[in-house]
C-alpha atoms as a PDB file:
ATOM      1  CA  MET A   1     284.596 100.783 -25.034  1.00  0.00           C
ATOM      2  CA  VAL A   2     282.568 102.038 -22.162  1.00  0.00           C
ATOM      3  CA  ASP A   3     278.899 101.004 -22.281  1.00  0.00           C
ATOM      4  CA  PHE A   4     277.022 104.046 -21.204  1.00  0.00           C
ATOM      5  CA  GLN A   5     273.498 102.971 -21.639  1.00  0.00           C
ATOM      6  CA  SER A   6     274.289 100.066 -19.419  1.00  0.00           C
ATOM      7  CA  ARG A   7     275.500 102.624 -16.921  1.00  0.00           C
ATOM      8  CA  GLU A   8     272.641 104.454 -16.880  1.00  0.00           C
ATOM      9  CA  THR A   9     270.448 101.321 -16.590  1.00  0.00           C
ATOM     10  CA  ARG A  10     271.963 100.723 -13.645  1.00  0.00           C
ATOM     11  CA  ARG A  11     271.953 103.704 -11.728  1.00  0.00           C
ATOM     12  CA  ASP A  12     267.868 103.618 -12.549  1.00  0.00           C
ATOM     13  CA  ASP A  13     267.873  99.705 -11.230  1.00  0.00           C
ATOM     14  CA  ASP A  14     269.644 101.295  -8.149  1.00  0.00           C
ATOM     15  CA  GLU A  15     267.187 104.062  -7.566  1.00  0.00           C
ATOM     16  CA  ASP A  16     263.736 101.747  -8.107  1.00  0.00           C
ATOM     17  CA  GLU A  17     265.419  99.586  -5.152  1.00  0.00           C
ATOM     18  CA  ALA A  18     265.764 102.120  -2.599  1.00  0.00           C
ATOM     19  CA  PRO A  19     263.804 101.282   0.514  1.00  0.00           C
ATOM     20  CA  ALA A  20     260.569 103.041   0.826  1.00  0.00           C
ATOM     21  CA  GLU A  21     259.894 104.835   4.179  1.00  0.00           C
ATOM     22  CA  ASP A  22     257.788 102.786   6.150  1.00  0.00           C
ATOM     23  CA  ALA A  23     254.554 104.253   6.297  1.00  0.00           C
ATOM     24  CA  THR A  24     253.828 102.783   9.499  1.00  0.00           C
ATOM     25  CA  ASP A  25     256.360 104.834  11.644  1.00  0.00           C
ATOM     26  CA  GLU A  26     254.632 107.352  14.046  1.00  0.00           C
ATOM     27  CA  PRO A  27     255.564 110.925  13.059  1.00  0.00           C
ATOM     28  CA  ALA A  28     258.443 112.435  15.252  1.00  0.00           C
ATOM     29  CA  GLU A  29     257.012 114.514  18.266  1.00  0.00           C
ATOM     30  CA  ASP A  30     257.268 118.391  17.516  1.00  0.00           C
ATOM     31  CA  PRO A  31     259.082 119.796  20.599  1.00  0.00           C
ATOM     32  CA  LEU A  32     257.049 122.827  20.327  1.00  0.00           C
ATOM     33  CA  THR A  33     253.902 121.395  20.928  1.00  0.00           C
ATOM     34  CA  GLU A  34     254.790 119.240  23.994  1.00  0.00           C
ATOM     35  CA  GLU A  35     253.396 119.799  27.162  1.00  0.00           C
ATOM     36  CA  SER A  36     255.671 121.846  29.094  1.00  0.00           C
ATOM     37  CA  GLU A  37     256.975 120.319  32.212  1.00  0.00           C
ATOM     38  CA  PRO A  38     257.080 122.120  35.431  1.00  0.00           C
ATOM     39  CA  HIS A  39     259.986 124.216  36.352  1.00  0.00           C
ATOM     40  CA  GLU A  40     260.926 122.686  39.634  1.00  0.00           C
ATOM     41  CA  HIS A  41     264.006 125.502  40.145  1.00  0.00           C
ATOM     42  CA  ASP A  42     261.584 128.354  40.173  1.00  0.00           C
ATOM     43  CA  ASP A  43     261.131 127.763  43.949  1.00  0.00           C
ATOM     44  CA  GLU A  44     264.686 127.511  44.325  1.00  0.00           C
ATOM     45  CA  GLU A  45     265.789 130.627  42.290  1.00  0.00           C
ATOM     46  CA  GLU A  46     263.024 132.547  44.219  1.00  0.00           C
ATOM     47  CA  HIS A  47     264.807 130.978  47.482  1.00  0.00           C
ATOM     48  CA  ASP A  48     268.252 132.054  46.358  1.00  0.00           C
ATOM     49  CA  HIS A  49     266.989 135.646  45.753  1.00  0.00           C
ATOM     50  CA  HIS A  50     265.977 136.221  49.047  1.00  0.00           C
ATOM     51  CA  HIS A  51     268.757 133.970  50.675  1.00  0.00           C
ATOM     52  CA  HIS A  52     270.521 136.903  51.890  1.00  0.00           C
ATOM     53  CA  ASP A  53     267.758 138.976  53.426  1.00  0.00           C
ATOM     54  CA  VAL A  54     267.927 140.281  56.996  1.00  0.00           C
ATOM     55  CA  GLU A  55     264.921 139.836  59.284  1.00  0.00           C
ATOM     56  CA  HIS A  56     265.650 142.540  61.590  1.00  0.00           C
ATOM     57  CA  VAL A  57     267.654 145.869  61.038  1.00  0.00           C
ATOM     58  CA  GLY A  58     269.422 148.500  63.111  1.00  0.00           C
ATOM     59  CA  VAL A  59     267.881 151.886  61.855  1.00  0.00           C
ATOM     60  CA  ALA A  60     269.691 155.359  62.353  1.00  0.00           C
ATOM     61  CA  ILE A  61     267.361 158.531  61.720  1.00  0.00           C
ATOM     62  CA  LEU A  62     268.762 161.587  61.178  1.00  0.00           C
ATOM     63  CA  THR A  63     266.790 164.590  61.178  1.00  0.00           C
ATOM     64  CA  VAL A  64     268.056 167.693  59.067  1.00  0.00           C
ATOM     65  CA  SER A  65     266.280 170.681  60.498  1.00  0.00           C
ATOM     66  CA  SER A  66     267.655 174.363  61.573  1.00  0.00           C
ATOM     67  CA  SER A  67     264.286 174.838  63.464  1.00  0.00           C
ATOM     68  CA  ARG A  68     263.094 171.598  65.096  1.00  0.00           C
ATOM     69  CA  SER A  69     264.480 169.702  67.963  1.00  0.00           C
ATOM     70  CA  LEU A  70     264.684 165.870  68.626  1.00  0.00           C
ATOM     71  CA  ASP A  71     261.741 166.537  71.331  1.00  0.00           C
ATOM     72  CA  ASP A  72     259.483 168.228  68.276  1.00  0.00           C
ATOM     73  CA  ASP A  73     260.395 166.081  65.322  1.00  0.00           C
ATOM     74  CA  PRO A  74     257.094 164.403  63.892  1.00  0.00           C
ATOM     75  CA  ALA A  75     258.947 163.093  60.829  1.00  0.00           C
ATOM     76  CA  GLY A  76     261.438 161.592  62.700  1.00  0.00           C
ATOM     77  CA  ASP A  77     258.723 159.953  64.873  1.00  0.00           C
ATOM     78  CA  ALA A  78     256.567 158.760  62.013  1.00  0.00           C
ATOM     79  CA  ILE A  79     260.006 156.785  60.499  1.00  0.00           C
ATOM     80  CA  ALA A  80     260.745 155.328  63.641  1.00  0.00           C
ATOM     81  CA  ALA A  81     257.019 154.267  64.135  1.00  0.00           C
ATOM     82  CA  ALA A  82     257.035 152.501  60.639  1.00  0.00           C
ATOM     83  CA  PHE A  83     260.319 150.762  61.445  1.00  0.00           C
ATOM     84  CA  GLU A  84     259.569 149.274  64.914  1.00  0.00           C
ATOM     85  CA  ALA A  85     256.112 148.359  63.366  1.00  0.00           C
ATOM     86  CA  ASP A  86     257.684 145.790  61.402  1.00  0.00           C
ATOM     87  CA  GLY A  87     260.149 144.662  64.247  1.00  0.00           C
ATOM     88  CA  HIS A  88     263.182 146.622  63.390  1.00  0.00           C
ATOM     89  CA  GLU A  89     265.075 148.450  66.029  1.00  0.00           C
ATOM     90  CA  VAL A  90     265.948 152.396  66.162  1.00  0.00           C
ATOM     91  CA  VAL A  91     269.240 152.418  67.482  1.00  0.00           C
ATOM     92  CA  THR A  92     269.956 155.944  67.425  1.00  0.00           C
ATOM     93  CA  ARG A  93     268.265 159.050  66.266  1.00  0.00           C
ATOM     94  CA  GLU A  94     270.422 162.310  65.599  1.00  0.00           C
ATOM     95  CA  LEU A  95     269.767 165.787  64.453  1.00  0.00           C
ATOM     96  CA  VAL A  96     271.890 168.291  62.476  1.00  0.00           C
ATOM     97  CA  ARG A  97     271.179 171.963  61.037  1.00  0.00           C
ATOM     98  CA  ASP A  98     270.864 172.583  57.288  1.00  0.00           C
ATOM     99  CA  SER A  99     274.822 172.423  56.964  1.00  0.00           C
ATOM    100  CA  TYR A 100     276.180 170.543  54.095  1.00  0.00           C
ATOM    101  CA  ASP A 101     279.199 169.451  56.082  1.00  0.00           C
ATOM    102  CA  ARG A 102     277.000 168.417  59.019  1.00  0.00           C
ATOM    103  CA  VAL A 103     274.782 166.574  57.151  1.00  0.00           C
ATOM    104  CA  GLN A 104     277.430 164.675  55.105  1.00  0.00           C
ATOM    105  CA  GLY A 105     279.608 163.905  58.245  1.00  0.00           C
ATOM    106  CA  GLY A 106     276.216 162.646  60.165  1.00  0.00           C
ATOM    107  CA  ILE A 107     275.452 160.474  57.248  1.00  0.00           C
ATOM    108  CA  ASP A 108     278.920 159.316  56.889  1.00  0.00           C
ATOM    109  CA  ASN A 109     279.348 158.701  60.783  1.00  0.00           C
ATOM    110  CA  LEU A 110     276.088 156.802  60.818  1.00  0.00           C
ATOM    111  CA  ALA A 111     276.826 154.339  57.785  1.00  0.00           C
ATOM    112  CA  GLY A 112     280.065 153.115  59.617  1.00  0.00           C
ATOM    113  CA  ARG A 113     278.544 152.291  62.778  1.00  0.00           C
ATOM    114  CA  GLY A 114     278.548 148.628  63.438  1.00  0.00           C
ATOM    115  CA  ASP A 115     274.956 148.420  64.668  1.00  0.00           C
ATOM    116  CA  VAL A 116     273.212 150.688  62.201  1.00  0.00           C
ATOM    117  CA  ASP A 117     272.315 148.913  58.896  1.00  0.00           C
ATOM    118  CA  VAL A 118     270.384 151.611  57.404  1.00  0.00           C
ATOM    119  CA  VAL A 119     270.413 155.488  57.298  1.00  0.00           C
ATOM    120  CA  VAL A 120     267.113 157.549  56.950  1.00  0.00           C
ATOM    121  CA  THR A 121     267.288 161.042  56.967  1.00  0.00           C
ATOM    122  CA  THR A 122     264.495 163.374  56.828  1.00  0.00           C
ATOM    123  CA  GLY A 123     264.631 167.030  55.702  1.00  0.00           C
ATOM    124  CA  GLY A 124     266.844 169.125  53.460  1.00  0.00           C
ATOM    125  CA  THR A 125     265.225 167.548  50.213  1.00  0.00           C
ATOM    126  CA  GLY A 126     263.566 170.461  48.844  1.00  0.00           C
ATOM    127  CA  VAL A 127     264.637 173.367  46.375  1.00  0.00           C
ATOM    128  CA  THR A 128     265.201 176.344  49.101  1.00  0.00           C
ATOM    129  CA  PRO A 129     269.106 177.369  49.031  1.00  0.00           C
ATOM    130  CA  ASP A 130     269.656 175.666  52.672  1.00  0.00           C
ATOM    131  CA  ASP A 131     268.295 172.444  51.370  1.00  0.00           C
ATOM    132  CA  VAL A 132     271.538 170.591  50.922  1.00  0.00           C
ATOM    133  CA  THR A 133     270.640 166.998  52.020  1.00  0.00           C
ATOM    134  CA  VAL A 134     270.810 165.284  48.397  1.00  0.00           C
ATOM    135  CA  GLU A 135     274.094 167.415  47.647  1.00  0.00           C
ATOM    136  CA  ALA A 136     275.650 166.433  50.646  1.00  0.00           C
ATOM    137  CA  ALA A 137     274.625 162.495  50.555  1.00  0.00           C
ATOM    138  CA  GLU A 138     275.264 161.972  46.919  1.00  0.00           C
ATOM    139  CA  PRO A 139     279.053 161.951  47.258  1.00  0.00           C
ATOM    140  CA  LEU A 140     278.848 159.035  49.803  1.00  0.00           C
ATOM    141  CA  PHE A 141     277.260 157.077  47.661  1.00  0.00           C
ATOM    142  CA  GLU A 142     279.222 154.010  45.926  1.00  0.00           C
ATOM    143  CA  LYS A 143     275.845 153.141  44.270  1.00  0.00           C
ATOM    144  CA  THR A 144     272.695 154.895  43.516  1.00  0.00           C
ATOM    145  CA  LEU A 145     268.935 153.696  44.057  1.00  0.00           C
ATOM    146  CA  PRO A 146     267.057 155.747  41.578  1.00  0.00           C
ATOM    147  CA  GLY A 147     263.887 153.341  41.892  1.00  0.00           C
ATOM    148  CA  PHE A 148     263.413 154.820  45.208  1.00  0.00           C
ATOM    149  CA  GLY A 149     262.959 158.598  44.391  1.00  0.00           C
ATOM    150  CA  GLU A 150     260.946 157.634  41.297  1.00  0.00           C
ATOM    151  CA  LEU A 151     258.485 155.374  43.444  1.00  0.00           C
ATOM    152  CA  PHE A 152     258.335 157.715  46.274  1.00  0.00           C
ATOM    153  CA  ARG A 153     257.398 160.647  43.840  1.00  0.00           C
ATOM    154  CA  ARG A 154     255.030 158.509  42.127  1.00  0.00           C
ATOM    155  CA  LEU A 155     253.243 157.763  45.275  1.00  0.00           C
ATOM    156  CA  SER A 156     253.375 161.456  46.547  1.00  0.00           C
ATOM    157  CA  TYR A 157     251.672 162.591  43.265  1.00  0.00           C
ATOM    158  CA  GLU A 158     248.341 160.814  44.061  1.00  0.00           C
ATOM    159  CA  GLU A 159     248.334 162.795  47.527  1.00  0.00           C
ATOM    160  CA  ILE A 160     249.849 166.256  46.310  1.00  0.00           C
ATOM    161  CA  GLY A 161     249.597 166.411  42.664  1.00  0.00           C
ATOM    162  CA  GLU A 162     252.292 168.615  40.837  1.00  0.00           C
ATOM    163  CA  LYS A 163     253.868 169.761  43.858  1.00  0.00           C
ATOM    164  CA  VAL A 164     255.865 166.624  43.946  1.00  0.00           C
ATOM    165  CA  VAL A 165     258.285 168.380  41.593  1.00  0.00           C
ATOM    166  CA  ALA A 166     259.724 170.204  44.244  1.00  0.00           C
ATOM    167  CA  THR A 167     261.225 166.863  46.159  1.00  0.00           C
ATOM    168  CA  ARG A 168     264.540 165.674  45.193  1.00  0.00           C
ATOM    169  CA  ALA A 169     264.126 162.682  47.611  1.00  0.00           C
ATOM    170  CA  THR A 170     266.992 159.983  46.583  1.00  0.00           C
ATOM    171  CA  ALA A 171     268.621 156.744  48.175  1.00  0.00           C
ATOM    172  CA  GLY A 172     271.796 155.053  47.702  1.00  0.00           C
ATOM    173  CA  VAL A 173     274.445 152.428  49.419  1.00  0.00           C
ATOM    174  CA  ALA A 174     277.413 154.585  51.279  1.00  0.00           C
ATOM    175  CA  ASP A 175     279.856 152.159  52.532  1.00  0.00           C
ATOM    176  CA  GLY A 176     277.593 149.197  52.296  1.00  0.00           C
ATOM    177  CA  VAL A 177     274.553 150.642  54.048  1.00  0.00           C
ATOM    178  CA  PRO A 178     271.459 151.853  52.349  1.00  0.00           C
ATOM    179  CA  VAL A 179     270.668 155.860  52.757  1.00  0.00           C
ATOM    180  CA  PHE A 180     267.329 157.200  52.194  1.00  0.00           C
ATOM    181  CA  CYS A 181     266.678 161.057  52.148  1.00  0.00           C
ATOM    182  CA  LEU A 182     263.137 161.649  52.690  1.00  0.00           C
ATOM    183  CA  PRO A 183     261.661 165.168  52.986  1.00  0.00           C
ATOM    184  CA  GLY A 184     260.937 166.746  56.175  1.00  0.00           C
ATOM    185  CA  SER A 185     257.037 166.580  56.293  1.00  0.00           C
ATOM    186  CA  GLU A 186     255.525 163.930  58.727  1.00  0.00           C
ATOM    187  CA  ASN A 187     253.163 162.931  55.642  1.00  0.00           C
ATOM    188  CA  ALA A 188     256.019 162.328  53.293  1.00  0.00           C
ATOM    189  CA  ALA A 189     258.175 160.808  55.874  1.00  0.00           C
ATOM    190  CA  GLU A 190     255.247 158.274  56.817  1.00  0.00           C
ATOM    191  CA  LEU A 191     254.558 157.426  53.426  1.00  0.00           C
ATOM    192  CA  GLY A 192     258.344 156.834  52.187  1.00  0.00           C
ATOM    193  CA  SER A 193     258.864 154.683  54.954  1.00  0.00           C
ATOM    194  CA  GLU A 194     255.915 152.728  55.364  1.00  0.00           C
ATOM    195  CA  GLU A 195     255.167 152.125  51.557  1.00  0.00           C
ATOM    196  CA  VAL A 196     258.773 152.082  49.807  1.00  0.00           C
ATOM    197  CA  VAL A 197     261.797 151.547  52.529  1.00  0.00           C
ATOM    198  CA  VAL A 198     260.252 149.265  54.946  1.00  0.00           C
ATOM    199  CA  PRO A 199     258.564 146.767  52.920  1.00  0.00           C
ATOM    200  CA  GLU A 200     261.909 146.293  51.104  1.00  0.00           C
ATOM    201  CA  ILE A 201     264.592 147.151  53.883  1.00  0.00           C
ATOM    202  CA  GLY A 202     265.398 143.428  54.845  1.00  0.00           C
ATOM    203  CA  HIS A 203     266.367 142.569  51.151  1.00  0.00           C
ATOM    204  CA  LEU A 204     268.145 145.641  50.468  1.00  0.00           C
ATOM    205  CA  VAL A 205     270.228 145.279  53.528  1.00  0.00           C
ATOM    206  CA  GLY A 206     270.961 141.774  52.738  1.00  0.00           C
ATOM    207  CA  LEU A 207     272.215 142.624  49.077  1.00  0.00           C
ATOM    208  CA  ALA A 208     274.115 145.746  50.061  1.00  0.00           C
ATOM    209  CA  SER A 209     276.003 143.730  52.677  1.00  0.00           C
ATOM    210  CA  ARG A 210     276.482 140.401  50.791  1.00  0.00           C
ATOM    211  CA  GLU A 211     280.196 141.158  50.127  1.00  0.00           C
ATOM    212  CA  ASP A 212     280.885 141.376  53.493  1.00  0.00           C
ATOM    213  CA  ALA A 213     278.968 138.343  54.482  1.00  0.00           C
END
């Protein structure tokens, strides 16, 4: 016969003999309250992020106008001055009339030159029927840079207010070369070059040509 009472008694005895927790043990450290160690790799990540930056770039300026010449090109002069002041080289300046084919061909030819790292156009970004720079440039872009137009218009709004809605300044990467399409006015060309393009151009050129490198 099985002695159920004896079995229950043995179980109770075993439970009573279970070792108590050592009250002197120090509590485990809470990882959420531990003081964070400095991340030594932060500097490395910043370095890697700019590892491909280019210090000096070759600039091609394409003026789109049916009424101006290179001798009377204040917007192109402003772009050139902004790049040269930062130590970059303007390798060529060209002018084409307001024609879809001429603008597209001009951008394509300049982007394909070995001494050109960035193309900047001025003119033809408005809303009149002969403003075709944006339409001509965009088919050449394998990547677009929408942040350029967004930032340029925000900065322009501070100067010209609601009139900024009439500008379609845009940018992209064509054949591994950043292309920026600025308006034809001198003030707009100066603003876009000095405040947006030049400060980031070494980084953008390095990223756009990274695969080739």
